[in-house]
Amino acid sequence: MRRNWCPNMNHRRSDPPVRYCPTCGEAVNANILTKKCSDKEHANSRMDMYKYCVHCGLQLIT
């Protein structure tokens, strides 16, 4: 159960397309395997203004 409310819609979907929420970093779909990301992929996620990586859950923006 989440302690804080997150506005990201992936929490409300029955089958979200990503493993981790880009806003709070919580795992939203455990059926998707965690993947190892490159620095380039993390840079692209930062440009999309994601706080957390949707593939590996790493915090991108502090």
N, C-alpha and C. Protein backbone atom coordinates (compact mmCIF):
# COMPACT_ATOMS: atom_id res chain seq x y z
N MET A 1 0.84 -1.19 0.00
CA MET A 1 0.00 0.00 0.00
C MET A 1 0.88 1.25 0.00
N ARG A 2 0.53 2.20 -0.86
CA ARG A 2 1.32 3.44 -0.95
C ARG A 2 1.03 4.34 0.24
N ARG A 3 2.08 4.96 0.75
CA ARG A 3 1.90 5.90 1.85
C ARG A 3 1.46 7.26 1.34
N ASN A 4 1.99 7.69 0.21
CA ASN A 4 1.66 9.00 -0.35
C ASN A 4 0.89 8.82 -1.64
N TRP A 5 -0.01 9.72 -1.92
CA TRP A 5 -0.79 9.67 -3.14
C TRP A 5 0.06 10.15 -4.30
N CYS A 6 0.00 9.43 -5.41
CA CYS A 6 0.76 9.78 -6.60
C CYS A 6 -0.23 10.09 -7.72
N PRO A 7 -0.05 11.21 -8.43
CA PRO A 7 -1.00 11.58 -9.49
C PRO A 7 -0.81 10.81 -10.79
N ASN A 8 0.24 10.01 -10.92
CA ASN A 8 0.50 9.30 -12.16
C ASN A 8 -0.57 8.24 -12.41
N MET A 9 -1.09 8.20 -13.62
CA MET A 9 -2.19 7.30 -13.96
C MET A 9 -1.78 5.82 -14.04
N ASN A 10 -0.51 5.52 -14.06
CA ASN A 10 -0.09 4.11 -14.12
C ASN A 10 -0.56 3.34 -12.89
N HIS A 11 -0.76 4.00 -11.77
CA HIS A 11 -1.23 3.32 -10.56
C HIS A 11 -2.67 2.86 -10.70
N ARG A 12 -3.45 3.50 -11.56
CA ARG A 12 -4.86 3.17 -11.71
C ARG A 12 -5.13 2.20 -12.85
N ARG A 13 -4.14 1.91 -13.65
CA ARG A 13 -4.31 1.00 -14.78
C ARG A 13 -4.22 -0.44 -14.31
N SER A 14 -4.98 -1.32 -14.96
CA SER A 14 -4.93 -2.73 -14.59
C SER A 14 -3.66 -3.40 -15.11
N ASP A 15 -3.11 -2.91 -16.23
CA ASP A 15 -1.89 -3.47 -16.79
C ASP A 15 -1.02 -2.34 -17.34
N PRO A 16 -0.31 -1.60 -16.45
CA PRO A 16 0.51 -0.48 -16.92
C PRO A 16 1.63 -0.95 -17.84
N PRO A 17 2.04 -0.12 -18.81
CA PRO A 17 3.06 -0.52 -19.77
C PRO A 17 4.50 -0.40 -19.25
N VAL A 18 4.68 0.07 -18.03
CA VAL A 18 6.01 0.24 -17.46
C VAL A 18 6.10 -0.47 -16.11
N ARG A 19 7.31 -0.83 -15.70
CA ARG A 19 7.49 -1.51 -14.42
C ARG A 19 7.41 -0.54 -13.25
N TYR A 20 8.05 0.63 -13.39
CA TYR A 20 8.10 1.59 -12.29
C TYR A 20 7.39 2.88 -12.67
N CYS A 21 6.80 3.54 -11.70
CA CYS A 21 6.16 4.83 -11.90
C CYS A 21 7.24 5.90 -12.08
N PRO A 22 7.13 6.73 -13.13
CA PRO A 22 8.15 7.76 -13.35
C PRO A 22 8.06 8.91 -12.35
N THR A 23 6.97 9.00 -11.62
CA THR A 23 6.77 10.09 -10.67
C THR A 23 7.24 9.75 -9.26
N CYS A 24 6.87 8.55 -8.77
CA CYS A 24 7.21 8.20 -7.39
C CYS A 24 8.19 7.04 -7.27
N GLY A 25 8.43 6.29 -8.36
CA GLY A 25 9.40 5.20 -8.33
C GLY A 25 8.85 3.88 -7.83
N GLU A 26 7.60 3.83 -7.47
CA GLU A 26 7.00 2.59 -6.98
C GLU A 26 6.78 1.61 -8.13
N ALA A 27 6.98 0.33 -7.89
CA ALA A 27 6.71 -0.68 -8.91
C ALA A 27 5.21 -0.75 -9.15
N VAL A 28 4.81 -0.56 -10.41
CA VAL A 28 3.38 -0.58 -10.75
C VAL A 28 3.00 -1.82 -11.57
N ASN A 29 3.98 -2.52 -12.15
CA ASN A 29 3.70 -3.73 -12.91
C ASN A 29 4.84 -4.72 -12.67
N ALA A 30 4.62 -5.64 -11.76
CA ALA A 30 5.65 -6.62 -11.40
C ALA A 30 5.85 -7.67 -12.48
N ASN A 31 4.97 -7.73 -13.47
CA ASN A 31 5.09 -8.72 -14.54
C ASN A 31 6.16 -8.34 -15.56
N ILE A 32 6.58 -7.09 -15.57
CA ILE A 32 7.62 -6.64 -16.49
C ILE A 32 8.97 -6.79 -15.78
N LEU A 33 9.90 -7.43 -16.45
CA LEU A 33 11.22 -7.65 -15.85
C LEU A 33 12.00 -6.34 -15.78
N THR A 34 12.79 -6.20 -14.72
CA THR A 34 13.67 -5.04 -14.58
C THR A 34 14.79 -5.17 -15.59
N LYS A 35 15.07 -4.07 -16.30
CA LYS A 35 16.13 -4.13 -17.29
C LYS A 35 17.27 -3.20 -16.88
N LYS A 36 18.46 -3.52 -17.37
CA LYS A 36 19.63 -2.68 -17.11
C LYS A 36 19.64 -1.58 -18.16
N CYS A 37 19.65 -0.35 -17.72
CA CYS A 37 19.58 0.80 -18.62
C CYS A 37 20.96 1.41 -18.85
N SER A 38 21.08 2.08 -19.98
CA SER A 38 22.32 2.79 -20.29
C SER A 38 22.21 4.24 -19.82
N ASP A 39 23.33 4.92 -19.79
CA ASP A 39 23.33 6.34 -19.42
C ASP A 39 22.53 7.16 -20.42
N LYS A 40 22.56 6.76 -21.69
CA LYS A 40 21.80 7.47 -22.72
C LYS A 40 20.30 7.34 -22.47
N GLU A 41 19.84 6.15 -22.10
CA GLU A 41 18.42 5.96 -21.80
C GLU A 41 18.01 6.80 -20.59
N HIS A 42 18.87 6.87 -19.57
CA HIS A 42 18.57 7.69 -18.40
C HIS A 42 18.56 9.17 -18.77
N ALA A 43 19.44 9.59 -19.65
CA ALA A 43 19.46 10.98 -20.10
C ALA A 43 18.16 11.31 -20.84
N ASN A 44 17.69 10.39 -21.67
CA ASN A 44 16.41 10.60 -22.37
C ASN A 44 15.25 10.68 -21.40
N SER A 45 15.28 9.87 -20.36
CA SER A 45 14.22 9.91 -19.35
C SER A 45 14.23 11.24 -18.59
N ARG A 46 15.44 11.75 -18.31
CA ARG A 46 15.54 13.06 -17.65
C ARG A 46 14.96 14.16 -18.54
N MET A 47 15.21 14.06 -19.85
CA MET A 47 14.67 15.04 -20.79
C MET A 47 13.13 14.98 -20.83
N ASP A 48 12.58 13.79 -20.57
CA ASP A 48 11.13 13.63 -20.50
C ASP A 48 10.57 14.06 -19.14
N MET A 49 11.47 14.56 -18.27
CA MET A 49 11.11 15.05 -16.94
C MET A 49 10.65 13.94 -15.99
N TYR A 50 11.16 12.72 -16.19
CA TYR A 50 10.86 11.62 -15.28
C TYR A 50 11.76 11.75 -14.07
N LYS A 51 11.19 11.57 -12.89
CA LYS A 51 11.98 11.61 -11.67
C LYS A 51 12.65 10.26 -11.43
N TYR A 52 12.01 9.18 -11.88
CA TYR A 52 12.53 7.82 -11.74
C TYR A 52 12.51 7.13 -13.09
N CYS A 53 13.43 6.22 -13.30
CA CYS A 53 13.48 5.45 -14.54
C CYS A 53 12.34 4.44 -14.53
N VAL A 54 11.59 4.36 -15.63
CA VAL A 54 10.44 3.44 -15.70
C VAL A 54 10.89 2.00 -15.91
N HIS A 55 12.16 1.77 -16.27
CA HIS A 55 12.66 0.43 -16.54
C HIS A 55 13.38 -0.19 -15.35
N CYS A 56 14.20 0.60 -14.65
CA CYS A 56 15.00 0.04 -13.56
C CYS A 56 14.67 0.65 -12.19
N GLY A 57 13.92 1.75 -12.16
CA GLY A 57 13.53 2.36 -10.89
C GLY A 57 14.54 3.31 -10.29
N LEU A 58 15.65 3.55 -10.97
CA LEU A 58 16.69 4.45 -10.46
C LEU A 58 16.17 5.87 -10.36
N GLN A 59 16.48 6.56 -9.26
CA GLN A 59 16.08 7.96 -9.11
C GLN A 59 16.97 8.80 -10.02
N LEU A 60 16.36 9.54 -10.94
CA LEU A 60 17.08 10.30 -11.94
C LEU A 60 17.26 11.77 -11.54
N ILE A 61 16.26 12.34 -10.90
CA ILE A 61 16.28 13.75 -10.52
C ILE A 61 16.14 13.82 -9.00
N THR A 62 17.06 14.53 -8.37
CA THR A 62 17.01 14.64 -6.91
C THR A 62 16.32 15.91 -6.48
